[in-house]
Amino acid sequence: TIQRRRAHLRDLHQQEDVSPLQQAPVAPLEHNISLATPKPGEGSDFVTPQKKLISSIDVVEKAFKEEMKKMKNTPAAKRAEREKKVRVVMALR
């Protein structure tokens, strides 16, 4: 048993000495993917949950601002704005 273990360890050590180009690519385990963080400049396609959240917030914010612009351009909103200005001017008299 000890001899088999030593031979196995020796084989593993020899495999480490082989250049990375000669080794077959090894896919990472799926549970390690979620724990891995990309290094700066690498994996630009990788989207973290934080980036997804920020992107979603930006989309919602943009849609909200567009809706607010539409609401301000309705005749009723323009009338209300004008009435508010008239009240301010009348209060200054």
C-alpha atoms as a PDB file:
ATOM      1  CA  THR A   1       0.000   0.000   0.000  1.00  0.00           C
ATOM      2  CA  ILE A   2       2.791   2.441   0.902  1.00  0.00           C
ATOM      3  CA  GLN A   3       4.654   1.637  -2.307  1.00  0.00           C
ATOM      4  CA  ARG A   4       1.522   2.240  -4.394  1.00  0.00           C
ATOM      5  CA  ARG A   5       0.960   5.560  -2.620  1.00  0.00           C
ATOM      6  CA  ARG A   6       4.575   6.641  -3.205  1.00  0.00           C
ATOM      7  CA  ALA A   7       4.328   5.655  -6.865  1.00  0.00           C
ATOM      8  CA  HIS A   8       1.092   7.591  -7.188  1.00  0.00           C
ATOM      9  CA  LEU A   9       2.654  10.671  -5.570  1.00  0.00           C
ATOM     10  CA  ARG A  10       5.694  10.351  -7.825  1.00  0.00           C
ATOM     11  CA  ASP A  11       3.415  10.175 -10.882  1.00  0.00           C
ATOM     12  CA  LEU A  12       1.556  13.267  -9.723  1.00  0.00           C
ATOM     13  CA  HIS A  13       4.828  15.114  -9.210  1.00  0.00           C
ATOM     14  CA  GLN A  14       5.990  14.164 -12.703  1.00  0.00           C
ATOM     15  CA  GLN A  15       2.711  15.401 -14.178  1.00  0.00           C
ATOM     16  CA  GLU A  16       3.266  18.779 -12.531  1.00  0.00           C
ATOM     17  CA  ASP A  17       6.601  19.065 -14.322  1.00  0.00           C
ATOM     18  CA  VAL A  18       4.872  18.691 -17.705  1.00  0.00           C
ATOM     19  CA  SER A  19       4.304  22.076 -19.363  1.00  0.00           C
ATOM     20  CA  PRO A  20       0.739  23.460 -19.199  1.00  0.00           C
ATOM     21  CA  LEU A  21       0.381  23.270 -22.989  1.00  0.00           C
ATOM     22  CA  GLN A  22       0.913  19.523 -22.957  1.00  0.00           C
ATOM     23  CA  GLN A  23      -1.696  18.888 -20.284  1.00  0.00           C
ATOM     24  CA  ALA A  24      -5.308  18.369 -21.207  1.00  0.00           C
ATOM     25  CA  PRO A  25      -7.521  21.259 -20.096  1.00  0.00           C
ATOM     26  CA  VAL A  26      -9.343  20.537 -16.869  1.00  0.00           C
ATOM     27  CA  ALA A  27     -12.752  22.072 -16.303  1.00  0.00           C
ATOM     28  CA  PRO A  28     -13.221  23.603 -12.840  1.00  0.00           C
ATOM     29  CA  LEU A  29     -15.763  22.015 -10.558  1.00  0.00           C
ATOM     30  CA  GLU A  30     -19.136  23.704 -10.754  1.00  0.00           C
ATOM     31  CA  HIS A  31     -19.248  24.643  -7.076  1.00  0.00           C
ATOM     32  CA  ASN A  32     -15.887  26.425  -7.446  1.00  0.00           C
ATOM     33  CA  ILE A  33     -17.183  28.627 -10.259  1.00  0.00           C
ATOM     34  CA  SER A  34     -19.455  30.589  -7.942  1.00  0.00           C
ATOM     35  CA  LEU A  35     -16.624  31.137  -5.474  1.00  0.00           C
ATOM     36  CA  ALA A  36     -14.059  32.234  -8.044  1.00  0.00           C
ATOM     37  CA  THR A  37     -13.552  35.937  -8.573  1.00  0.00           C
ATOM     38  CA  PRO A  38     -12.167  37.208 -11.850  1.00  0.00           C
ATOM     39  CA  LYS A  39      -8.823  38.947 -11.847  1.00  0.00           C
ATOM     40  CA  PRO A  40      -8.709  42.520 -13.186  1.00  0.00           C
ATOM     41  CA  GLY A  41      -8.497  42.535 -16.970  1.00  0.00           C
ATOM     42  CA  GLU A  42      -9.574  38.947 -17.307  1.00  0.00           C
ATOM     43  CA  GLY A  43     -13.041  37.583 -17.998  1.00  0.00           C
ATOM     44  CA  SER A  44     -14.690  40.795 -19.155  1.00  0.00           C
ATOM     45  CA  ASP A  45     -17.806  38.756 -20.001  1.00  0.00           C
ATOM     46  CA  PHE A  46     -18.149  37.648 -16.369  1.00  0.00           C
ATOM     47  CA  VAL A  47     -21.062  39.467 -14.715  1.00  0.00           C
ATOM     48  CA  THR A  48     -21.205  39.483 -10.932  1.00  0.00           C
ATOM     49  CA  PRO A  49     -24.498  39.668  -9.053  1.00  0.00           C
ATOM     50  CA  GLN A  50     -23.561  43.205  -7.999  1.00  0.00           C
ATOM     51  CA  LYS A  51     -23.110  44.245 -11.625  1.00  0.00           C
ATOM     52  CA  LYS A  52     -26.471  42.695 -12.501  1.00  0.00           C
ATOM     53  CA  LEU A  53     -28.126  44.595  -9.670  1.00  0.00           C
ATOM     54  CA  ILE A  54     -26.538  47.899 -10.666  1.00  0.00           C
ATOM     55  CA  SER A  55     -27.537  47.315 -14.276  1.00  0.00           C
ATOM     56  CA  SER A  56     -31.124  46.582 -13.236  1.00  0.00           C
ATOM     57  CA  ILE A  57     -31.230  49.702 -11.087  1.00  0.00           C
ATOM     58  CA  ASP A  58     -29.938  51.793 -13.993  1.00  0.00           C
ATOM     59  CA  VAL A  59     -32.605  50.388 -16.319  1.00  0.00           C
ATOM     60  CA  VAL A  60     -35.388  51.088 -13.812  1.00  0.00           C
ATOM     61  CA  GLU A  61     -34.055  54.576 -13.101  1.00  0.00           C
ATOM     62  CA  LYS A  62     -33.938  55.410 -16.803  1.00  0.00           C
ATOM     63  CA  ALA A  63     -37.501  54.146 -17.337  1.00  0.00           C
ATOM     64  CA  PHE A  64     -38.712  56.133 -14.304  1.00  0.00           C
ATOM     65  CA  LYS A  65     -37.107  59.357 -15.575  1.00  0.00           C
ATOM     66  CA  GLU A  66     -38.698  58.873 -18.997  1.00  0.00           C
ATOM     67  CA  GLU A  67     -42.102  58.379 -17.383  1.00  0.00           C
ATOM     68  CA  MET A  68     -41.616  61.520 -15.284  1.00  0.00           C
ATOM     69  CA  LYS A  69     -40.816  63.513 -18.435  1.00  0.00           C
ATOM     70  CA  LYS A  70     -43.988  62.194 -20.063  1.00  0.00           C
ATOM     71  CA  MET A  71     -46.019  63.094 -16.978  1.00  0.00           C
ATOM     72  CA  LYS A  72     -44.628  66.647 -16.965  1.00  0.00           C
ATOM     73  CA  ASN A  73     -45.580  67.120 -20.609  1.00  0.00           C
ATOM     74  CA  THR A  74     -49.279  66.313 -20.155  1.00  0.00           C
ATOM     75  CA  PRO A  75     -51.740  69.227 -20.348  1.00  0.00           C
ATOM     76  CA  ALA A  76     -52.903  68.682 -16.769  1.00  0.00           C
ATOM     77  CA  ALA A  77     -49.325  68.805 -15.462  1.00  0.00           C
ATOM     78  CA  LYS A  78     -48.622  71.984 -17.431  1.00  0.00           C
ATOM     79  CA  ARG A  79     -51.800  73.558 -16.031  1.00  0.00           C
ATOM     80  CA  ALA A  80     -50.834  72.585 -12.468  1.00  0.00           C
ATOM     81  CA  GLU A  81     -47.334  74.047 -12.948  1.00  0.00           C
ATOM     82  CA  ARG A  82     -48.796  77.292 -14.277  1.00  0.00           C
ATOM     83  CA  GLU A  83     -51.244  77.510 -11.360  1.00  0.00           C
ATOM     84  CA  LYS A  84     -48.379  77.021  -8.926  1.00  0.00           C
ATOM     85  CA  LYS A  85     -46.403  79.850 -10.570  1.00  0.00           C
ATOM     86  CA  VAL A  86     -49.452  82.118 -10.508  1.00  0.00           C
ATOM     87  CA  ARG A  87     -49.923  81.443  -6.767  1.00  0.00           C
ATOM     88  CA  VAL A  88     -46.258  82.294  -6.093  1.00  0.00           C
ATOM     89  CA  VAL A  89     -46.506  85.544  -8.064  1.00  0.00           C
ATOM     90  CA  MET A  90     -49.790  86.454  -6.357  1.00  0.00           C
ATOM     91  CA  ALA A  91     -48.218  85.800  -2.951  1.00  0.00           C
ATOM     92  CA  LEU A  92     -45.396  88.229  -3.811  1.00  0.00           C
ATOM     93  CA  ARG A  93     -47.878  91.105  -4.404  1.00  0.00           C
END
